[in-house]
PDB file of N, CA and C in Angstrom:
ATOM      1  N   MET A   1     -11.978 -43.017  21.238  1.00  0.00           N
ATOM      2  CA  MET A   1     -10.972 -42.479  20.270  1.00  0.00           C
ATOM      3  C   MET A   1     -11.234 -42.284  18.908  1.00  0.00           C
ATOM      4  N   GLU A   2     -11.993 -42.707  18.457  1.00  0.00           N
ATOM      5  CA  GLU A   2     -12.225 -43.213  17.065  1.00  0.00           C
ATOM      6  C   GLU A   2     -12.515 -41.432  16.361  1.00  0.00           C
ATOM      7  N   VAL A   3     -13.554 -40.901  17.391  1.00  0.00           N
ATOM      8  CA  VAL A   3     -14.238 -40.079  17.205  1.00  0.00           C
ATOM      9  C   VAL A   3     -13.405 -38.800  17.177  1.00  0.00           C
ATOM     10  N   PHE A   4     -12.875 -38.242  17.895  1.00  0.00           N
ATOM     11  CA  PHE A   4     -12.131 -37.477  18.900  1.00  0.00           C
ATOM     12  C   PHE A   4     -10.787 -37.017  17.326  1.00  0.00           C
ATOM     13  N   LEU A   5     -10.560 -38.446  16.572  1.00  0.00           N
ATOM     14  CA  LEU A   5      -9.770 -38.492  15.435  1.00  0.00           C
ATOM     15  C   LEU A   5      -9.488 -38.239  14.475  1.00  0.00           C
ATOM     16  N   ALA A   6     -11.168 -38.134  14.585  1.00  0.00           N
ATOM     17  CA  ALA A   6     -11.582 -38.107  12.993  1.00  0.00           C
ATOM     18  C   ALA A   6     -12.303 -37.094  13.245  1.00  0.00           C
ATOM     19  N   PHE A   7     -13.093 -36.480  13.889  1.00  0.00           N
ATOM     20  CA  PHE A   7     -13.005 -34.698  14.395  1.00  0.00           C
ATOM     21  C   PHE A   7     -11.415 -33.507  14.302  1.00  0.00           C
ATOM     22  N   ALA A   8      -9.888 -34.290  14.515  1.00  0.00           N
ATOM     23  CA  ALA A   8      -9.028 -33.771  15.095  1.00  0.00           C
ATOM     24  C   ALA A   8      -8.274 -33.776  12.883  1.00  0.00           C
ATOM     25  N   MET A   9      -8.428 -34.621  12.399  1.00  0.00           N
ATOM     26  CA  MET A   9      -8.147 -35.329  10.857  1.00  0.00           C
ATOM     27  C   MET A   9      -8.925 -34.041  10.150  1.00  0.00           C
ATOM     28  N   SER A  10     -10.440 -34.477  10.146  1.00  0.00           N
ATOM     29  CA  SER A  10     -10.860 -32.911   9.600  1.00  0.00           C
ATOM     30  C   SER A  10     -10.717 -31.402   9.361  1.00  0.00           C
ATOM     31  N   LYS A  11      -9.985 -31.127  10.006  1.00  0.00           N
ATOM     32  CA  LYS A  11      -9.503 -30.406  10.194  1.00  0.00           C
ATOM     33  C   LYS A  11      -7.919 -30.021  10.393  1.00  0.00           C
ATOM     34  N   GLY A  12      -7.508 -31.064   9.593  1.00  0.00           N
ATOM     35  CA  GLY A  12      -6.303 -30.898   8.949  1.00  0.00           C
ATOM     36  C   GLY A  12      -5.429 -31.766   9.858  1.00  0.00           C
ATOM     37  N   PHE A  13      -5.254 -31.830  10.936  1.00  0.00           N
ATOM     38  CA  PHE A  13      -4.493 -31.995  11.925  1.00  0.00           C
ATOM     39  C   PHE A  13      -3.868 -33.582  11.705  1.00  0.00           C
ATOM     40  N   LYS A  14      -2.926 -34.006  11.685  1.00  0.00           N
ATOM     41  CA  LYS A  14      -2.145 -35.520  11.627  1.00  0.00           C
ATOM     42  C   LYS A  14      -2.248 -36.294  12.504  1.00  0.00           C
ATOM     43  N   LEU A  15      -3.030 -36.755  13.374  1.00  0.00           N
ATOM     44  CA  LEU A  15      -2.966 -37.364  14.560  1.00  0.00           C
ATOM     45  C   LEU A  15      -2.685 -39.384  14.407  1.00  0.00           C
ATOM     46  N   ASP A  16      -1.500 -39.453  14.416  1.00  0.00           N
ATOM     47  CA  ASP A  16      -1.182 -40.256  13.702  1.00  0.00           C
ATOM     48  C   ASP A  16      -0.378 -42.243  14.972  1.00  0.00           C
ATOM     49  N   TYR A  17      -0.674 -41.387  16.027  1.00  0.00           N
ATOM     50  CA  TYR A  17       0.300 -41.934  17.811  1.00  0.00           C
ATOM     51  C   TYR A  17       1.276 -41.774  17.399  1.00  0.00           C
ATOM     52  N   SER A  18       2.103 -41.580  16.255  1.00  0.00           N
ATOM     53  CA  SER A  18       3.828 -40.797  16.373  1.00  0.00           C
ATOM     54  C   SER A  18       4.188 -39.786  16.885  1.00  0.00           C
ATOM     55  N   ILE A  19       5.285 -40.173  17.652  1.00  0.00           N
ATOM     56  CA  ILE A  19       5.834 -38.853  18.813  1.00  0.00           C
ATOM     57  C   ILE A  19       5.753 -37.476  18.066  1.00  0.00           C
ATOM     58  N   SER A  20       6.100 -37.064  16.876  1.00  0.00           N
ATOM     59  CA  SER A  20       6.268 -36.417  15.948  1.00  0.00           C
ATOM     60  C   SER A  20       4.668 -35.152  15.743  1.00  0.00           C
ATOM     61  N   SER A  21       3.695 -36.407  15.884  1.00  0.00           N
ATOM     62  CA  SER A  21       2.545 -35.802  15.561  1.00  0.00           C
ATOM     63  C   SER A  21       1.633 -35.026  17.037  1.00  0.00           C
ATOM     64  N   LEU A  22       2.722 -34.797  18.325  1.00  0.00           N
ATOM     65  CA  LEU A  22       2.311 -34.629  19.248  1.00  0.00           C
ATOM     66  C   LEU A  22       2.605 -32.700  19.510  1.00  0.00           C
ATOM     67  N   ASP A  23       3.599 -32.396  18.393  1.00  0.00           N
ATOM     68  CA  ASP A  23       4.004 -30.889  18.125  1.00  0.00           C
ATOM     69  C   ASP A  23       1.916 -30.573  17.095  1.00  0.00           C
ATOM     70  N   ASP A  24       1.519 -31.016  16.578  1.00  0.00           N
ATOM     71  CA  ASP A  24      -0.450 -31.241  15.960  1.00  0.00           C
ATOM     72  C   ASP A  24      -1.108 -31.111  16.404  1.00  0.00           C
ATOM     73  N   LEU A  25      -0.818 -31.776  17.988  1.00  0.00           N
ATOM     74  CA  LEU A  25      -2.007 -31.888  18.617  1.00  0.00           C
ATOM     75  C   LEU A  25      -1.764 -30.879  19.705  1.00  0.00           C
ATOM     76  N   GLU A  26      -0.490 -29.876  20.010  1.00  0.00           N
ATOM     77  CA  GLU A  26      -0.162 -28.399  20.933  1.00  0.00           C
ATOM     78  C   GLU A  26      -0.847 -27.398  19.287  1.00  0.00           C
ATOM     79  N   VAL A  27      -0.829 -27.611  18.010  1.00  0.00           N
ATOM     80  CA  VAL A  27      -0.937 -26.311  17.688  1.00  0.00           C
ATOM     81  C   VAL A  27      -3.343 -26.446  17.249  1.00  0.00           C
ATOM     82  N   PHE A  28      -3.614 -28.014  17.430  1.00  0.00           N
ATOM     83  CA  PHE A  28      -5.002 -28.582  17.492  1.00  0.00           C
ATOM     84  C   PHE A  28      -5.432 -27.848  19.270  1.00  0.00           C
ATOM     85  N   ILE A  29      -4.540 -27.763  19.628  1.00  0.00           N
ATOM     86  CA  ILE A  29      -5.767 -27.471  21.465  1.00  0.00           C
ATOM     87  C   ILE A  29      -5.394 -26.114  20.817  1.00  0.00           C
ATOM     88  N   ASP A  30      -4.653 -25.694  21.029  1.00  0.00           N
ATOM     89  CA  ASP A  30      -4.407 -23.906  20.587  1.00  0.00           C
ATOM     90  C   ASP A  30      -5.159 -23.622  20.118  1.00  0.00           C
ATOM     91  N   GLY A  31      -5.397 -23.231  18.904  1.00  0.00           N
ATOM     92  CA  GLY A  31      -6.915 -23.497  17.623  1.00  0.00           C
ATOM     93  C   GLY A  31      -8.179 -23.690  18.219  1.00  0.00           C
ATOM     94  N   SER A  32      -7.767 -24.544  19.800  1.00  0.00           N
ATOM     95  CA  SER A  32      -9.401 -24.297  20.199  1.00  0.00           C
ATOM     96  C   SER A  32      -9.774 -23.631  21.252  1.00  0.00           C
ATOM     97  N   GLY A  33      -9.334 -22.671  21.254  1.00  0.00           N
ATOM     98  CA  GLY A  33      -8.810 -20.787  22.276  1.00  0.00           C
ATOM     99  C   GLY A  33      -9.810 -21.561  24.087  1.00  0.00           C
ATOM    100  N   ASP A  34     -11.103 -20.794  23.834  1.00  0.00           N
ATOM    101  CA  ASP A  34     -11.504 -21.565  25.935  1.00  0.00           C
ATOM    102  C   ASP A  34     -11.926 -22.619  25.464  1.00  0.00           C
ATOM    103  N   GLY A  35     -12.405 -23.516  23.693  1.00  0.00           N
ATOM    104  CA  GLY A  35     -12.974 -24.693  24.343  1.00  0.00           C
ATOM    105  C   GLY A  35     -11.082 -25.626  24.729  1.00  0.00           C
ATOM    106  N   ALA A  36     -10.673 -25.160  24.920  1.00  0.00           N
ATOM    107  CA  ALA A  36      -8.895 -26.096  25.470  1.00  0.00           C
ATOM    108  C   ALA A  36      -8.934 -26.243  26.886  1.00  0.00           C
ATOM    109  N   ARG A  37      -9.572 -25.294  27.546  1.00  0.00           N
ATOM    110  CA  ARG A  37      -9.979 -25.760  29.386  1.00  0.00           C
ATOM    111  C   ARG A  37     -11.393 -26.383  29.263  1.00  0.00           C
ATOM    112  N   GLU A  38     -11.925 -27.052  28.097  1.00  0.00           N
ATOM    113  CA  GLU A  38     -13.231 -28.122  28.167  1.00  0.00           C
ATOM    114  C   GLU A  38     -13.008 -29.517  28.735  1.00  0.00           C
ATOM    115  N   SER A  39     -13.773 -29.849  30.031  1.00  0.00           N
ATOM    116  CA  SER A  39     -13.051 -30.969  29.953  1.00  0.00           C
ATOM    117  C   SER A  39     -13.208 -32.321  29.378  1.00  0.00           C
ATOM    118  N   GLU A  40     -14.413 -31.760  28.774  1.00  0.00           N
ATOM    119  CA  GLU A  40     -14.473 -33.328  27.759  1.00  0.00           C
ATOM    120  C   GLU A  40     -13.196 -32.816  26.132  1.00  0.00           C
ATOM    121  N   LEU A  41     -12.353 -32.123  26.089  1.00  0.00           N
ATOM    122  CA  LEU A  41     -11.510 -31.903  25.227  1.00  0.00           C
ATOM    123  C   LEU A  41     -10.474 -32.299  26.285  1.00  0.00           C
ATOM    124  N   LEU A  42      -9.952 -31.872  27.120  1.00  0.00           N
ATOM    125  CA  LEU A  42      -8.437 -32.185  27.441  1.00  0.00           C
ATOM    126  C   LEU A  42      -8.153 -33.690  28.225  1.00  0.00           C
ATOM    127  N   ASN A  43      -9.704 -33.870  28.472  1.00  0.00           N
ATOM    128  CA  ASN A  43      -9.488 -35.691  28.342  1.00  0.00           C
ATOM    129  C   ASN A  43      -9.100 -36.405  26.614  1.00  0.00           C
ATOM    130  N   HIS A  44      -9.291 -36.310  26.132  1.00  0.00           N
ATOM    131  CA  HIS A  44      -9.546 -36.074  24.621  1.00  0.00           C
ATOM    132  C   HIS A  44      -8.248 -36.470  24.156  1.00  0.00           C
ATOM    133  N   CYS A  45      -7.180 -35.194  24.798  1.00  0.00           N
ATOM    134  CA  CYS A  45      -5.982 -35.000  24.476  1.00  0.00           C
ATOM    135  C   CYS A  45      -5.594 -36.054  24.918  1.00  0.00           C
ATOM    136  N   SER A  46      -5.487 -35.486  26.251  1.00  0.00           N
ATOM    137  CA  SER A  46      -4.634 -36.423  27.112  1.00  0.00           C
ATOM    138  C   SER A  46      -4.659 -37.705  26.898  1.00  0.00           C
ATOM    139  N   ARG A  47      -6.362 -38.190  26.787  1.00  0.00           N
ATOM    140  CA  ARG A  47      -6.042 -39.761  26.161  1.00  0.00           C
ATOM    141  C   ARG A  47      -4.489 -40.075  25.118  1.00  0.00           C
ATOM    142  N   TYR A  48      -4.810 -39.370  24.110  1.00  0.00           N
ATOM    143  CA  TYR A  48      -4.299 -39.391  22.588  1.00  0.00           C
ATOM    144  C   TYR A  48      -2.483 -39.009  23.198  1.00  0.00           C
ATOM    145  N   LEU A  49      -2.418 -38.187  23.721  1.00  0.00           N
ATOM    146  CA  LEU A  49      -0.950 -38.517  24.813  1.00  0.00           C
ATOM    147  C   LEU A  49      -0.375 -39.475  25.756  1.00  0.00           C
ATOM    148  N   GLY A  50      -1.184 -39.933  25.880  1.00  0.00           N
ATOM    149  CA  GLY A  50      -1.035 -41.178  27.024  1.00  0.00           C
ATOM    150  C   GLY A  50      -0.857 -42.177  25.984  1.00  0.00           C
ATOM    151  N   GLU A  51      -1.667 -42.624  24.913  1.00  0.00           N
ATOM    152  CA  GLU A  51      -1.293 -43.747  23.865  1.00  0.00           C
ATOM    153  C   GLU A  51      -0.173 -43.776  22.907  1.00  0.00           C
ATOM    154  N   VAL A  52       0.237 -42.181  22.711  1.00  0.00           N
ATOM    155  CA  VAL A  52       1.600 -42.173  21.596  1.00  0.00           C
ATOM    156  C   VAL A  52       2.164 -42.207  23.011  1.00  0.00           C
ATOM    157  N   PHE A  53       2.496 -42.611  23.887  1.00  0.00           N
ATOM    158  CA  PHE A  53       3.920 -43.090  24.880  1.00  0.00           C
ATOM    159  C   PHE A  53       3.671 -43.801  25.216  1.00  0.00           C
ATOM    160  N   ARG A  54       2.602 -45.091  25.441  1.00  0.00           N
ATOM    161  CA  ARG A  54       2.061 -46.129  24.923  1.00  0.00           C
ATOM    162  C   ARG A  54       2.819 -46.937  23.758  1.00  0.00           C
ATOM    163  N   LYS A  55       2.444 -46.584  22.931  1.00  0.00           N
ATOM    164  CA  LYS A  55       2.838 -46.842  21.854  1.00  0.00           C
ATOM    165  C   LYS A  55       4.428 -46.908  21.169  1.00  0.00           C
ATOM    166  N   ASN A  56       4.667 -45.833  22.307  1.00  0.00           N
ATOM    167  CA  ASN A  56       5.714 -45.410  21.567  1.00  0.00           C
ATOM    168  C   ASN A  56       7.120 -45.720  22.427  1.00  0.00           C
ATOM    169  N   LEU A  57       6.594 -45.594  23.616  1.00  0.00           N
ATOM    170  CA  LEU A  57       7.628 -46.294  24.509  1.00  0.00           C
ATOM    171  C   LEU A  57       7.870 -47.379  25.664  1.00  0.00           C
ATOM    172  N   GLY A  58       6.129 -47.917  25.639  1.00  0.00           N
ATOM    173  CA  GLY A  58       6.142 -49.166  26.202  1.00  0.00           C
ATOM    174  C   GLY A  58       5.062 -48.872  27.342  1.00  0.00           C
ATOM    175  N   GLY A  59       4.714 -49.595  28.785  1.00  0.00           N
ATOM    176  CA  GLY A  59       3.693 -49.499  29.582  1.00  0.00           C
ATOM    177  C   GLY A  59       2.615 -49.449  29.394  1.00  0.00           C
ATOM    178  N   SER A  60       1.449 -49.426  30.556  1.00  0.00           N
ATOM    179  CA  SER A  60       0.538 -49.868  30.422  1.00  0.00           C
ATOM    180  C   SER A  60      -0.498 -48.519  31.454  1.00  0.00           C
ATOM    181  N   TRP A  61      -1.914 -48.553  30.694  1.00  0.00           N
ATOM    182  CA  TRP A  61      -2.550 -47.716  32.242  1.00  0.00           C
ATOM    183  C   TRP A  61      -2.696 -48.205  32.726  1.00  0.00           C
ATOM    184  N   ASP A  62      -2.997 -47.296  34.016  1.00  0.00           N
ATOM    185  CA  ASP A  62      -3.361 -47.488  34.959  1.00  0.00           C
ATOM    186  C   ASP A  62      -3.700 -46.506  36.099  1.00  0.00           C
ATOM    187  N   LEU A  63      -4.645 -46.356  37.426  1.00  0.00           N
ATOM    188  CA  LEU A  63      -5.538 -45.516  37.992  1.00  0.00           C
ATOM    189  C   LEU A  63      -4.536 -45.640  38.972  1.00  0.00           C
ATOM    190  N   CYS A  64      -4.248 -44.291  39.731  1.00  0.00           N
ATOM    191  CA  CYS A  64      -3.077 -43.849  40.695  1.00  0.00           C
ATOM    192  C   CYS A  64      -3.904 -44.028  42.297  1.00  0.00           C
ATOM    193  N   ILE A  65      -3.981 -45.141  42.238  1.00  0.00           N
ATOM    194  CA  ILE A  65      -5.096 -45.294  43.990  1.00  0.00           C
ATOM    195  C   ILE A  65      -4.334 -45.575  45.121  1.00  0.00           C
ATOM    196  N   ASP A  66      -2.822 -46.192  45.202  1.00  0.00           N
ATOM    197  CA  ASP A  66      -2.135 -46.714  46.367  1.00  0.00           C
ATOM    198  C   ASP A  66      -1.739 -46.092  47.019  1.00  0.00           C
ATOM    199  N   ASP A  67      -1.479 -44.287  47.210  1.00  0.00           N
ATOM    200  CA  ASP A  67      -1.302 -43.227  47.938  1.00  0.00           C
ATOM    201  C   ASP A  67      -1.482 -41.946  47.771  1.00  0.00           C
ATOM    202  N   PRO A  68      -2.406 -42.409  48.922  1.00  0.00           N
ATOM    203  CA  PRO A  68      -3.255 -40.192  48.678  1.00  0.00           C
ATOM    204  C   PRO A  68      -2.294 -39.517  48.702  1.00  0.00           C
ATOM    205  N   LYS A  69      -0.937 -39.533  49.399  1.00  0.00           N
ATOM    206  CA  LYS A  69       0.584 -38.149  49.156  1.00  0.00           C
ATOM    207  C   LYS A  69       0.567 -38.129  47.583  1.00  0.00           C
ATOM    208  N   ASN A  70       0.490 -39.048  46.946  1.00  0.00           N
ATOM    209  CA  ASN A  70       1.396 -39.178  44.951  1.00  0.00           C
ATOM    210  C   ASN A  70       0.304 -38.090  45.076  1.00  0.00           C
ATOM    211  N   ILE A  71       1.124 -36.901  43.931  1.00  0.00           N
ATOM    212  CA  ILE A  71       0.497 -36.066  43.591  1.00  0.00           C
ATOM    213  C   ILE A  71      -0.898 -36.787  42.122  1.00  0.00           C
ATOM    214  N   ASN A  72       0.047 -37.468  41.561  1.00  0.00           N
ATOM    215  CA  ASN A  72      -1.137 -38.071  40.594  1.00  0.00           C
ATOM    216  C   ASN A  72      -2.081 -39.109  41.023  1.00  0.00           C
ATOM    217  N   PHE A  73      -2.312 -39.028  42.898  1.00  0.00           N
ATOM    218  CA  PHE A  73      -3.691 -39.584  43.000  1.00  0.00           C
ATOM    219  C   PHE A  73      -5.058 -40.029  42.497  1.00  0.00           C
ATOM    220  N   LYS A  74      -5.634 -40.566  41.682  1.00  0.00           N
ATOM    221  CA  LYS A  74      -6.827 -40.807  41.542  1.00  0.00           C
ATOM    222  C   LYS A  74      -6.735 -40.578  40.080  1.00  0.00           C
ATOM    223  N   LEU A  75      -6.057 -40.048  39.113  1.00  0.00           N
ATOM    224  CA  LEU A  75      -5.438 -40.079  38.032  1.00  0.00           C
ATOM    225  C   LEU A  75      -5.169 -41.059  36.579  1.00  0.00           C
ATOM    226  N   PRO A  76      -5.359 -40.892  36.071  1.00  0.00           N
ATOM    227  CA  PRO A  76      -4.760 -42.184  35.189  1.00  0.00           C
ATOM    228  C   PRO A  76      -2.904 -41.608  34.625  1.00  0.00           C
ATOM    229  N   VAL A  77      -2.821 -42.985  35.351  1.00  0.00           N
ATOM    230  CA  VAL A  77      -0.903 -42.414  34.061  1.00  0.00           C
ATOM    231  C   VAL A  77      -0.825 -43.396  33.441  1.00  0.00           C
ATOM    232  N   ILE A  78      -0.083 -43.940  32.823  1.00  0.00           N
ATOM    233  CA  ILE A  78       0.974 -44.658  32.609  1.00  0.00           C
ATOM    234  C   ILE A  78       2.728 -44.824  33.128  1.00  0.00           C
ATOM    235  N   ASN A  79       2.809 -46.304  33.626  1.00  0.00           N
ATOM    236  CA  ASN A  79       3.704 -46.883  33.908  1.00  0.00           C
ATOM    237  C   ASN A  79       3.164 -48.404  34.220  1.00  0.00           C
ATOM    238  N   ARG A  80       5.197 -49.048  34.507  1.00  0.00           N
ATOM    239  CA  ARG A  80       5.609 -50.032  33.872  1.00  0.00           C
ATOM    240  C   ARG A  80       6.481 -49.800  33.316  1.00  0.00           C
ATOM    241  N   PHE A  81       6.580 -48.648  32.447  1.00  0.00           N
ATOM    242  CA  PHE A  81       8.030 -48.903  31.261  1.00  0.00           C
ATOM    243  C   PHE A  81       9.135 -48.300  31.645  1.00  0.00           C
ATOM    244  N   SER A  82       9.422 -49.046  32.975  1.00  0.00           N
ATOM    245  CA  SER A  82      10.964 -48.474  34.077  1.00  0.00           C
ATOM    246  C   SER A  82      10.896 -49.697  34.416  1.00  0.00           C
ATOM    247  N   ASP A  83      12.397 -49.638  34.823  1.00  0.00           N
ATOM    248  CA  ASP A  83      12.156 -50.705  35.944  1.00  0.00           C
ATOM    249  C   ASP A  83      12.056 -49.661  36.874  1.00  0.00           C
ATOM    250  N   ILE A  84      12.234 -48.460  37.704  1.00  0.00           N
ATOM    251  CA  ILE A  84      12.043 -47.858  38.653  1.00  0.00           C
ATOM    252  C   ILE A  84      10.895 -47.367  38.574  1.00  0.00           C
ATOM    253  N   ASP A  85      10.200 -46.898  39.929  1.00  0.00           N
ATOM    254  CA  ASP A  85       8.918 -46.742  40.280  1.00  0.00           C
ATOM    255  C   ASP A  85       8.839 -45.268  39.669  1.00  0.00           C
ATOM    256  N   LEU A  86       8.536 -44.416  38.257  1.00  0.00           N
ATOM    257  CA  LEU A  86       7.815 -44.121  37.581  1.00  0.00           C
ATOM    258  C   LEU A  86       6.401 -44.202  36.896  1.00  0.00           C
ATOM    259  N   GLU A  87       5.450 -43.256  37.204  1.00  0.00           N
ATOM    260  CA  GLU A  87       4.812 -42.436  36.280  1.00  0.00           C
ATOM    261  C   GLU A  87       4.789 -41.784  34.996  1.00  0.00           C
ATOM    262  N   PHE A  88       3.584 -41.457  34.599  1.00  0.00           N
ATOM    263  CA  PHE A  88       3.617 -40.418  33.343  1.00  0.00           C
ATOM    264  C   PHE A  88       1.570 -40.267  33.403  1.00  0.00           C
ATOM    265  N   CYS A  89       1.560 -39.341  34.357  1.00  0.00           N
ATOM    266  CA  CYS A  89       0.700 -38.905  33.397  1.00  0.00           C
ATOM    267  C   CYS A  89       0.272 -37.583  32.656  1.00  0.00           C
ATOM    268  N   PRO A  90      -0.698 -38.278  31.573  1.00  0.00           N
ATOM    269  CA  PRO A  90      -0.377 -36.824  30.408  1.00  0.00           C
ATOM    270  C   PRO A  90      -1.660 -36.372  30.627  1.00  0.00           C
ATOM    271  N   LEU A  91      -2.485 -36.431  31.858  1.00  0.00           N
ATOM    272  CA  LEU A  91      -3.489 -35.107  32.091  1.00  0.00           C
ATOM    273  C   LEU A  91      -2.501 -34.073  32.952  1.00  0.00           C
ATOM    274  N   ALA A  92      -2.044 -34.380  33.900  1.00  0.00           N
ATOM    275  CA  ALA A  92      -1.210 -33.266  34.180  1.00  0.00           C
ATOM    276  C   ALA A  92       0.222 -32.619  32.896  1.00  0.00           C
ATOM    277  N   VAL A  93       0.844 -33.275  32.633  1.00  0.00           N
ATOM    278  CA  VAL A  93       1.233 -32.793  31.565  1.00  0.00           C
ATOM    279  C   VAL A  93      -0.068 -31.888  30.430  1.00  0.00           C
ATOM    280  N   VAL A  94      -0.906 -32.042  29.563  1.00  0.00           N
ATOM    281  CA  VAL A  94      -1.739 -31.382  29.111  1.00  0.00           C
ATOM    282  C   VAL A  94      -1.697 -30.378  29.369  1.00  0.00           C
ATOM    283  N   GLY A  95      -2.530 -30.488  30.584  1.00  0.00           N
ATOM    284  CA  GLY A  95      -2.297 -29.321  31.493  1.00  0.00           C
ATOM    285  C   GLY A  95      -1.191 -28.134  31.514  1.00  0.00           C
ATOM    286  N   ASN A  96      -0.445 -29.066  32.134  1.00  0.00           N
ATOM    287  CA  ASN A  96       0.468 -28.158  31.588  1.00  0.00           C
ATOM    288  C   ASN A  96       0.919 -26.729  30.810  1.00  0.00           C
ATOM    289  N   TYR A  97       0.344 -28.351  29.347  1.00  0.00           N
ATOM    290  CA  TYR A  97       0.740 -27.154  27.977  1.00  0.00           C
ATOM    291  C   TYR A  97      -0.313 -26.354  28.119  1.00  0.00           C
ATOM    292  N   VAL A  98      -1.353 -26.191  27.987  1.00  0.00           N
ATOM    293  CA  VAL A  98      -2.576 -25.312  28.129  1.00  0.00           C
ATOM    294  C   VAL A  98      -2.355 -24.526  29.040  1.00  0.00           C
ATOM    295  N   ALA A  99      -1.904 -24.525  30.580  1.00  0.00           N
ATOM    296  CA  ALA A  99      -1.317 -22.928  30.804  1.00  0.00           C
ATOM    297  C   ALA A  99      -0.095 -22.688  30.482  1.00  0.00           C
ATOM    298  N   ARG A 100       1.507 -22.935  29.972  1.00  0.00           N
ATOM    299  CA  ARG A 100       1.994 -22.936  29.584  1.00  0.00           C
ATOM    300  C   ARG A 100       2.039 -21.950  27.837  1.00  0.00           C
ATOM    301  N   LYS A 101       1.736 -23.435  27.393  1.00  0.00           N
ATOM    302  CA  LYS A 101       1.720 -22.993  25.896  1.00  0.00           C
ATOM    303  C   LYS A 101       3.309 -22.492  25.509  1.00  0.00           C
ATOM    304  N   LYS A 102       3.814 -23.742  25.904  1.00  0.00           N
ATOM    305  CA  LYS A 102       4.908 -23.874  25.320  1.00  0.00           C
ATOM    306  C   LYS A 102       5.412 -25.084  24.067  1.00  0.00           C
ATOM    307  N   ARG A 103       5.570 -24.385  22.973  1.00  0.00           N
ATOM    308  CA  ARG A 103       5.650 -25.343  21.578  1.00  0.00           C
ATOM    309  C   ARG A 103       6.678 -26.131  22.546  1.00  0.00           C
ATOM    310  N   GLY A 104       6.794 -27.613  21.793  1.00  0.00           N
ATOM    311  CA  GLY A 104       7.790 -29.000  21.686  1.00  0.00           C
ATOM    312  C   GLY A 104       7.136 -29.873  23.455  1.00  0.00           C
ATOM    313  N   MET A 105       5.679 -28.742  23.940  1.00  0.00           N
ATOM    314  CA  MET A 105       6.421 -29.393  25.161  1.00  0.00           C
ATOM    315  C   MET A 105       5.797 -30.198  25.989  1.00  0.00           C
ATOM    316  N   LEU A 106       4.926 -31.004  24.817  1.00  0.00           N
ATOM    317  CA  LEU A 106       4.350 -32.251  24.910  1.00  0.00           C
ATOM    318  C   LEU A 106       5.751 -33.438  24.285  1.00  0.00           C
ATOM    319  N   ARG A 107       5.768 -33.171  22.974  1.00  0.00           N
ATOM    320  CA  ARG A 107       6.924 -34.655  22.695  1.00  0.00           C
ATOM    321  C   ARG A 107       7.960 -34.445  23.871  1.00  0.00           C
ATOM    322  N   GLU A 108       8.514 -33.286  24.678  1.00  0.00           N
ATOM    323  CA  GLU A 108       9.618 -33.234  24.850  1.00  0.00           C
ATOM    324  C   GLU A 108       9.234 -33.792  26.188  1.00  0.00           C
ATOM    325  N   ALA A 109       7.935 -33.824  26.554  1.00  0.00           N
ATOM    326  CA  ALA A 109       7.407 -34.439  28.019  1.00  0.00           C
ATOM    327  C   ALA A 109       7.765 -36.481  27.786  1.00  0.00           C
ATOM    328  N   VAL A 110       7.409 -36.486  26.281  1.00  0.00           N
ATOM    329  CA  VAL A 110       7.566 -38.233  26.513  1.00  0.00           C
ATOM    330  C   VAL A 110       8.918 -38.272  25.812  1.00  0.00           C
ATOM    331  N   GLU A 111       9.564 -37.978  25.100  1.00  0.00           N
ATOM    332  CA  GLU A 111      10.882 -37.989  24.895  1.00  0.00           C
ATOM    333  C   GLU A 111      11.927 -37.873  26.379  1.00  0.00           C
ATOM    334  N   VAL A 112      11.599 -37.590  26.995  1.00  0.00           N
ATOM    335  CA  VAL A 112      12.741 -36.806  28.408  1.00  0.00           C
ATOM    336  C   VAL A 112      12.482 -38.686  28.904  1.00  0.00           C
ATOM    337  N   ASN A 113      11.359 -39.311  29.338  1.00  0.00           N
ATOM    338  CA  ASN A 113      11.399 -40.721  29.299  1.00  0.00           C
ATOM    339  C   ASN A 113      12.130 -42.048  28.536  1.00  0.00           C
ATOM    340  N   ARG A 114      12.734 -41.630  28.050  1.00  0.00           N
ATOM    341  CA  ARG A 114      13.047 -42.498  27.206  1.00  0.00           C
ATOM    342  C   ARG A 114      14.558 -43.247  27.796  1.00  0.00           C
ATOM    343  N   LYS A 115      15.264 -42.638  28.907  1.00  0.00           N
ATOM    344  CA  LYS A 115      16.544 -42.542  29.801  1.00  0.00           C
ATOM    345  C   LYS A 115      15.630 -43.320  30.705  1.00  0.00           C
ATOM    346  N   PHE A 116      14.609 -43.595  30.903  1.00  0.00           N
ATOM    347  CA  PHE A 116      13.843 -44.220  31.717  1.00  0.00           C
ATOM    348  C   PHE A 116      13.760 -45.909  31.640  1.00  0.00           C
ATOM    349  N   LEU A 117      13.932 -46.330  29.621  1.00  0.00           N
ATOM    350  CA  LEU A 117      12.778 -47.232  30.051  1.00  0.00           C
ATOM    351  C   LEU A 117      13.726 -48.614  30.584  1.00  0.00           C
ATOM    352  N   ARG A 118      12.899 -49.967  30.241  1.00  0.00           N
ATOM    353  CA  ARG A 118      13.015 -50.940  30.833  1.00  0.00           C
ATOM    354  C   ARG A 118      14.469 -51.231  29.993  1.00  0.00           C
ATOM    355  N   ALA A 119      15.132 -52.544  30.872  1.00  0.00           N
ATOM    356  CA  ALA A 119      16.358 -53.062  30.255  1.00  0.00           C
ATOM    357  C   ALA A 119      15.859 -53.478  28.867  1.00  0.00           C
ATOM    358  N   GLY A 120      17.081 -53.195  27.919  1.00  0.00           N
ATOM    359  CA  GLY A 120      16.494 -53.994  26.662  1.00  0.00           C
ATOM    360  C   GLY A 120      15.404 -53.721  25.475  1.00  0.00           C
ATOM    361  N   LYS A 121      15.255 -52.716  26.130  1.00  0.00           N
ATOM    362  CA  LYS A 121      13.578 -51.764  25.260  1.00  0.00           C
ATOM    363  C   LYS A 121      14.020 -50.407  24.297  1.00  0.00           C
TER     364      LYS A 121
END
């Protein structure tokens, strides 16, 4: 992540793991043109989104391998942030952003999960 963060920061993007930094991540993705579809870039952006989620809302990384019918099967997810069985799949969220280019989507994807946080969080 350090190399990715240093690269983004050298281009003027402030990626500090805050939820507001997700707005900069969207601009970074948009400025990457066709490169935004490259798997390495998408993986870095997804890992960053997951770390923003984890650092701000809690939870832990896991690999979804329990149910082949789960839409996130074989994908890295953040779970254990809620008392109910929820997963946050950063790769799916970034993929949706790349497809739709709706500004604020990444931040909203994180914020909407606040209502599901474990009791006392």
